[in-house]
């Protein structure tokens, strides 16, 4: 899976816009260390955003 696809999937999950097929793709990405890193990066940025209290996303 491309890293851009991994980032898209994680952002769709965060925004509650993930289809069943995309969820399957996201879960299958957990077997790949590079993809897991991309997921982690997106989640870290999202949580930092929440902690700062930014109103736009």
PDB file of N, CA and C in Angstrom:
ATOM      1  N   UNK A   1       0.840  -1.172   0.000  1.00  0.00           N
ATOM      2  CA  UNK A   1       0.000   0.000   0.000  1.00  0.00           C
ATOM      3  C   UNK A   1       0.889   1.242   0.000  1.00  0.00           C
ATOM      4  N   UNK A   2       0.503   2.215  -0.783  1.00  0.00           N
ATOM      5  CA  UNK A   2       1.246   3.465  -0.807  1.00  0.00           C
ATOM      6  C   UNK A   2       0.981   4.246   0.476  1.00  0.00           C
ATOM      7  N   UNK A   3       1.968   5.017   0.885  1.00  0.00           N
ATOM      8  CA  UNK A   3       1.850   5.798   2.114  1.00  0.00           C
ATOM      9  C   UNK A   3       0.716   6.813   2.001  1.00  0.00           C
ATOM     10  N   UNK A   4       0.537   7.408   0.829  1.00  0.00           N
ATOM     11  CA  UNK A   4      -0.554   8.373   0.659  1.00  0.00           C
ATOM     12  C   UNK A   4      -1.911   7.701   0.866  1.00  0.00           C
ATOM     13  N   UNK A   5      -2.042   6.470   0.422  1.00  0.00           N
ATOM     14  CA  UNK A   5      -3.284   5.712   0.633  1.00  0.00           C
ATOM     15  C   UNK A   5      -3.476   5.439   2.126  1.00  0.00           C
ATOM     16  N   UNK A   6      -2.411   5.088   2.807  1.00  0.00           N
ATOM     17  CA  UNK A   6      -2.482   4.827   4.242  1.00  0.00           C
ATOM     18  C   UNK A   6      -2.932   6.078   4.992  1.00  0.00           C
ATOM     19  N   UNK A   7      -2.388   7.215   4.626  1.00  0.00           N
ATOM     20  CA  UNK A   7      -2.771   8.475   5.274  1.00  0.00           C
ATOM     21  C   UNK A   7      -4.229   8.791   4.988  1.00  0.00           C
ATOM     22  N   UNK A   8      -4.649   8.597   3.757  1.00  0.00           N
ATOM     23  CA  UNK A   8      -6.048   8.832   3.395  1.00  0.00           C
ATOM     24  C   UNK A   8      -6.971   7.957   4.238  1.00  0.00           C
ATOM     25  N   UNK A   9      -6.637   6.691   4.372  1.00  0.00           N
ATOM     26  CA  UNK A   9      -7.475   5.761   5.134  1.00  0.00           C
ATOM     27  C   UNK A   9      -7.581   6.172   6.603  1.00  0.00           C
ATOM     28  N   UNK A  10      -6.479   6.564   7.193  1.00  0.00           N
ATOM     29  CA  UNK A  10      -6.507   6.951   8.601  1.00  0.00           C
ATOM     30  C   UNK A  10      -7.306   8.242   8.784  1.00  0.00           C
ATOM     31  N   UNK A  11      -7.154   9.182   7.868  1.00  0.00           N
ATOM     32  CA  UNK A  11      -7.926  10.421   7.955  1.00  0.00           C
ATOM     33  C   UNK A  11      -9.415  10.148   7.759  1.00  0.00           C
ATOM     34  N   UNK A  12      -9.757   9.230   6.874  1.00  0.00           N
ATOM     35  CA  UNK A  12     -11.155   8.863   6.678  1.00  0.00           C
ATOM     36  C   UNK A  12     -11.706   8.203   7.932  1.00  0.00           C
ATOM     37  N   UNK A  13     -10.912   7.390   8.598  1.00  0.00           N
ATOM     38  CA  UNK A  13     -11.334   6.761   9.850  1.00  0.00           C
ATOM     39  C   UNK A  13     -11.607   7.824  10.912  1.00  0.00           C
ATOM     40  N   UNK A  14     -10.697   8.759  11.054  1.00  0.00           N
ATOM     41  CA  UNK A  14     -10.846   9.831  12.042  1.00  0.00           C
ATOM     42  C   UNK A  14     -12.116  10.633  11.780  1.00  0.00           C
ATOM     43  N   UNK A  15     -12.415  10.869  10.511  1.00  0.00           N
ATOM     44  CA  UNK A  15     -13.562  11.694  10.127  1.00  0.00           C
ATOM     45  C   UNK A  15     -14.843  10.892   9.935  1.00  0.00           C
ATOM     46  N   UNK A  16     -14.804   9.611  10.307  1.00  0.00           N
ATOM     47  CA  UNK A  16     -15.971   8.742  10.217  1.00  0.00           C
ATOM     48  C   UNK A  16     -16.522   8.668   8.783  1.00  0.00           C
ATOM     49  N   UNK A  17     -15.630   8.563   7.815  1.00  0.00           N
ATOM     50  CA  UNK A  17     -16.020   8.492   6.411  1.00  0.00           C
ATOM     51  C   UNK A  17     -15.393   7.284   5.718  1.00  0.00           C
ATOM     52  N   UNK A  18     -15.165   6.234   6.480  1.00  0.00           N
ATOM     53  CA  UNK A  18     -14.489   5.046   5.978  1.00  0.00           C
ATOM     54  C   UNK A  18     -15.512   4.001   5.566  1.00  0.00           C
ATOM     55  N   UNK A  19     -15.388   3.510   4.349  1.00  0.00           N
ATOM     56  CA  UNK A  19     -16.278   2.440   3.894  1.00  0.00           C
ATOM     57  C   UNK A  19     -15.787   1.099   4.456  1.00  0.00           C
ATOM     58  N   UNK A  20     -16.609   0.093   4.319  1.00  0.00           N
ATOM     59  CA  UNK A  20     -16.239  -1.244   4.792  1.00  0.00           C
ATOM     60  C   UNK A  20     -14.993  -1.721   4.044  1.00  0.00           C
ATOM     61  N   UNK A  21     -14.962  -1.513   2.756  1.00  0.00           N
ATOM     62  CA  UNK A  21     -13.797  -1.944   1.964  1.00  0.00           C
ATOM     63  C   UNK A  21     -12.536  -1.195   2.392  1.00  0.00           C
ATOM     64  N   UNK A  22     -12.680   0.106   2.643  1.00  0.00           N
ATOM     65  CA  UNK A  22     -11.529   0.889   3.095  1.00  0.00           C
ATOM     66  C   UNK A  22     -11.070   0.431   4.477  1.00  0.00           C
ATOM     67  N   UNK A  23     -12.009   0.062   5.329  1.00  0.00           N
ATOM     68  CA  UNK A  23     -11.634  -0.460   6.645  1.00  0.00           C
ATOM     69  C   UNK A  23     -10.832  -1.749   6.493  1.00  0.00           C
ATOM     70  N   UNK A  24     -11.237  -2.594   5.575  1.00  0.00           N
ATOM     71  CA  UNK A  24     -10.468  -3.818   5.304  1.00  0.00           C
ATOM     72  C   UNK A  24      -9.056  -3.474   4.850  1.00  0.00           C
ATOM     73  N   UNK A  25      -8.921  -2.467   3.985  1.00  0.00           N
ATOM     74  CA  UNK A  25      -7.596  -2.025   3.528  1.00  0.00           C
ATOM     75  C   UNK A  25      -6.769  -1.503   4.697  1.00  0.00           C
ATOM     76  N   UNK A  26      -7.407  -0.699   5.554  1.00  0.00           N
ATOM     77  CA  UNK A  26      -6.703  -0.134   6.699  1.00  0.00           C
ATOM     78  C   UNK A  26      -6.184  -1.253   7.599  1.00  0.00           C
ATOM     79  N   UNK A  27      -7.029  -2.212   7.894  1.00  0.00           N
ATOM     80  CA  UNK A  27      -6.628  -3.326   8.760  1.00  0.00           C
ATOM     81  C   UNK A  27      -5.507  -4.143   8.129  1.00  0.00           C
ATOM     82  N   UNK A  28      -5.583  -4.378   6.840  1.00  0.00           N
ATOM     83  CA  UNK A  28      -4.516  -5.155   6.185  1.00  0.00           C
ATOM     84  C   UNK A  28      -3.188  -4.409   6.214  1.00  0.00           C
ATOM     85  N   UNK A  29      -3.237  -3.094   6.285  1.00  0.00           N
ATOM     86  CA  UNK A  29      -2.013  -2.291   6.360  1.00  0.00           C
ATOM     87  C   UNK A  29      -1.266  -2.458   7.662  1.00  0.00           C
ATOM     88  N   UNK A  30      -1.923  -2.994   8.674  1.00  0.00           N
ATOM     89  CA  UNK A  30      -1.272  -3.179   9.969  1.00  0.00           C
ATOM     90  C   UNK A  30      -0.158  -4.221   9.925  1.00  0.00           C
ATOM     91  N   UNK A  31      -0.070  -4.950   8.840  1.00  0.00           N
ATOM     92  CA  UNK A  31       0.985  -5.948   8.679  1.00  0.00           C
ATOM     93  C   UNK A  31       2.281  -5.350   8.129  1.00  0.00           C
ATOM     94  N   UNK A  32       2.218  -4.082   7.726  1.00  0.00           N
ATOM     95  CA  UNK A  32       3.362  -3.428   7.091  1.00  0.00           C
ATOM     96  C   UNK A  32       3.897  -2.327   8.007  1.00  0.00           C
ATOM     97  N   UNK A  33       5.189  -2.394   8.345  1.00  0.00           N
ATOM     98  CA  UNK A  33       5.785  -1.419   9.267  1.00  0.00           C
ATOM     99  C   UNK A  33       5.733   0.014   8.732  1.00  0.00           C
ATOM    100  N   UNK A  34       5.941   0.208   7.437  1.00  0.00           N
ATOM    101  CA  UNK A  34       5.893   1.557   6.864  1.00  0.00           C
ATOM    102  C   UNK A  34       4.482   2.129   6.936  1.00  0.00           C
ATOM    103  N   UNK A  35       3.505   1.300   6.688  1.00  0.00           N
ATOM    104  CA  UNK A  35       2.112   1.731   6.754  1.00  0.00           C
ATOM    105  C   UNK A  35       1.732   2.044   8.195  1.00  0.00           C
ATOM    106  N   UNK A  36       2.155   1.206   9.133  1.00  0.00           N
ATOM    107  CA  UNK A  36       1.874   1.475  10.538  1.00  0.00           C
ATOM    108  C   UNK A  36       2.484   2.808  10.968  1.00  0.00           C
ATOM    109  N   UNK A  37       3.655   3.131  10.457  1.00  0.00           N
ATOM    110  CA  UNK A  37       4.298   4.416  10.760  1.00  0.00           C
ATOM    111  C   UNK A  37       3.456   5.563  10.206  1.00  0.00           C
ATOM    112  N   UNK A  38       2.932   5.404   9.000  1.00  0.00           N
ATOM    113  CA  UNK A  38       2.072   6.433   8.411  1.00  0.00           C
ATOM    114  C   UNK A  38       0.813   6.619   9.244  1.00  0.00           C
ATOM    115  N   UNK A  39       0.213   5.518   9.677  1.00  0.00           N
ATOM    116  CA  UNK A  39      -0.962   5.599  10.546  1.00  0.00           C
ATOM    117  C   UNK A  39      -0.620   6.363  11.824  1.00  0.00           C
ATOM    118  N   UNK A  40       0.501   6.003  12.409  1.00  0.00           N
ATOM    119  CA  UNK A  40       0.935   6.632  13.653  1.00  0.00           C
ATOM    120  C   UNK A  40       1.153   8.129  13.463  1.00  0.00           C
ATOM    121  N   UNK A  41       1.765   8.511  12.358  1.00  0.00           N
ATOM    122  CA  UNK A  41       2.010   9.932  12.089  1.00  0.00           C
ATOM    123  C   UNK A  41       0.711  10.716  11.981  1.00  0.00           C
ATOM    124  N   UNK A  42      -0.264  10.149  11.285  1.00  0.00           N
ATOM    125  CA  UNK A  42      -1.560  10.823  11.137  1.00  0.00           C
ATOM    126  C   UNK A  42      -2.242  10.950  12.498  1.00  0.00           C
ATOM    127  N   UNK A  43      -2.230   9.876  13.269  1.00  0.00           N
ATOM    128  CA  UNK A  43      -2.860   9.926  14.593  1.00  0.00           C
ATOM    129  C   UNK A  43      -2.160  10.917  15.515  1.00  0.00           C
ATOM    130  N   UNK A  44      -0.837  10.954  15.463  1.00  0.00           N
ATOM    131  CA  UNK A  44      -0.096  11.892  16.297  1.00  0.00           C
ATOM    132  C   UNK A  44      -0.462  13.326  15.941  1.00  0.00           C
ATOM    133  N   UNK A  45      -0.517  13.640  14.659  1.00  0.00           N
ATOM    134  CA  UNK A  45      -0.887  14.991  14.222  1.00  0.00           C
ATOM    135  C   UNK A  45      -2.309  15.328  14.649  1.00  0.00           C
ATOM    136  N   UNK A  46      -3.202  14.357  14.551  1.00  0.00           N
ATOM    137  CA  UNK A  46      -4.594  14.576  14.943  1.00  0.00           C
ATOM    138  C   UNK A  46      -4.696  14.864  16.441  1.00  0.00           C
ATOM    139  N   UNK A  47      -4.020  14.073  17.260  1.00  0.00           N
ATOM    140  CA  UNK A  47      -4.093  14.282  18.705  1.00  0.00           C
ATOM    141  C   UNK A  47      -3.413  15.582  19.120  1.00  0.00           C
ATOM    142  N   UNK A  48      -2.328  15.963  18.455  1.00  0.00           N
ATOM    143  CA  UNK A  48      -1.706  17.255  18.732  1.00  0.00           C
ATOM    144  C   UNK A  48      -2.681  18.377  18.410  1.00  0.00           C
ATOM    145  N   UNK A  49      -3.391  18.225  17.305  1.00  0.00           N
ATOM    146  CA  UNK A  49      -4.415  19.192  16.898  1.00  0.00           C
ATOM    147  C   UNK A  49      -5.482  19.310  17.988  1.00  0.00           C
ATOM    148  N   UNK A  50      -5.931  18.185  18.520  1.00  0.00           N
ATOM    149  CA  UNK A  50      -6.934  18.208  19.593  1.00  0.00           C
ATOM    150  C   UNK A  50      -6.413  18.880  20.855  1.00  0.00           C
ATOM    151  N   UNK A  51      -5.179  18.586  21.209  1.00  0.00           N
ATOM    152  CA  UNK A  51      -4.604  19.158  22.405  1.00  0.00           C
ATOM    153  C   UNK A  51      -4.438  20.665  22.309  1.00  0.00           C
ATOM    154  N   UNK A  52      -4.139  21.147  21.115  1.00  0.00           N
ATOM    155  CA  UNK A  52      -3.993  22.593  20.906  1.00  0.00           C
ATOM    156  C   UNK A  52      -5.341  23.297  20.905  1.00  0.00           C
ATOM    157  N   UNK A  53      -6.406  22.530  20.694  1.00  0.00           N
ATOM    158  CA  UNK A  53      -7.733  23.114  20.661  1.00  0.00           C
ATOM    159  C   UNK A  53      -8.045  23.850  19.375  1.00  0.00           C
ATOM    160  N   UNK A  54      -7.337  23.504  18.301  1.00  0.00           N
ATOM    161  CA  UNK A  54      -7.605  24.121  17.009  1.00  0.00           C
ATOM    162  C   UNK A  54      -9.033  23.799  16.598  1.00  0.00           C
ATOM    163  N   UNK A  55      -9.737  24.790  16.087  1.00  0.00           N
ATOM    164  CA  UNK A  55     -11.135  24.566  15.706  1.00  0.00           C
ATOM    165  C   UNK A  55     -11.295  24.096  14.268  1.00  0.00           C
ATOM    166  N   UNK A  56     -10.306  24.292  13.431  1.00  0.00           N
ATOM    167  CA  UNK A  56     -10.421  23.844  12.040  1.00  0.00           C
ATOM    168  C   UNK A  56      -9.560  22.616  11.815  1.00  0.00           C
ATOM    169  N   UNK A  57     -10.005  21.781  10.862  1.00  0.00           N
ATOM    170  CA  UNK A  57      -9.222  20.576  10.538  1.00  0.00           C
ATOM    171  C   UNK A  57      -9.182  20.360   9.084  1.00  0.00           C
TER     172      UNK A  57
END
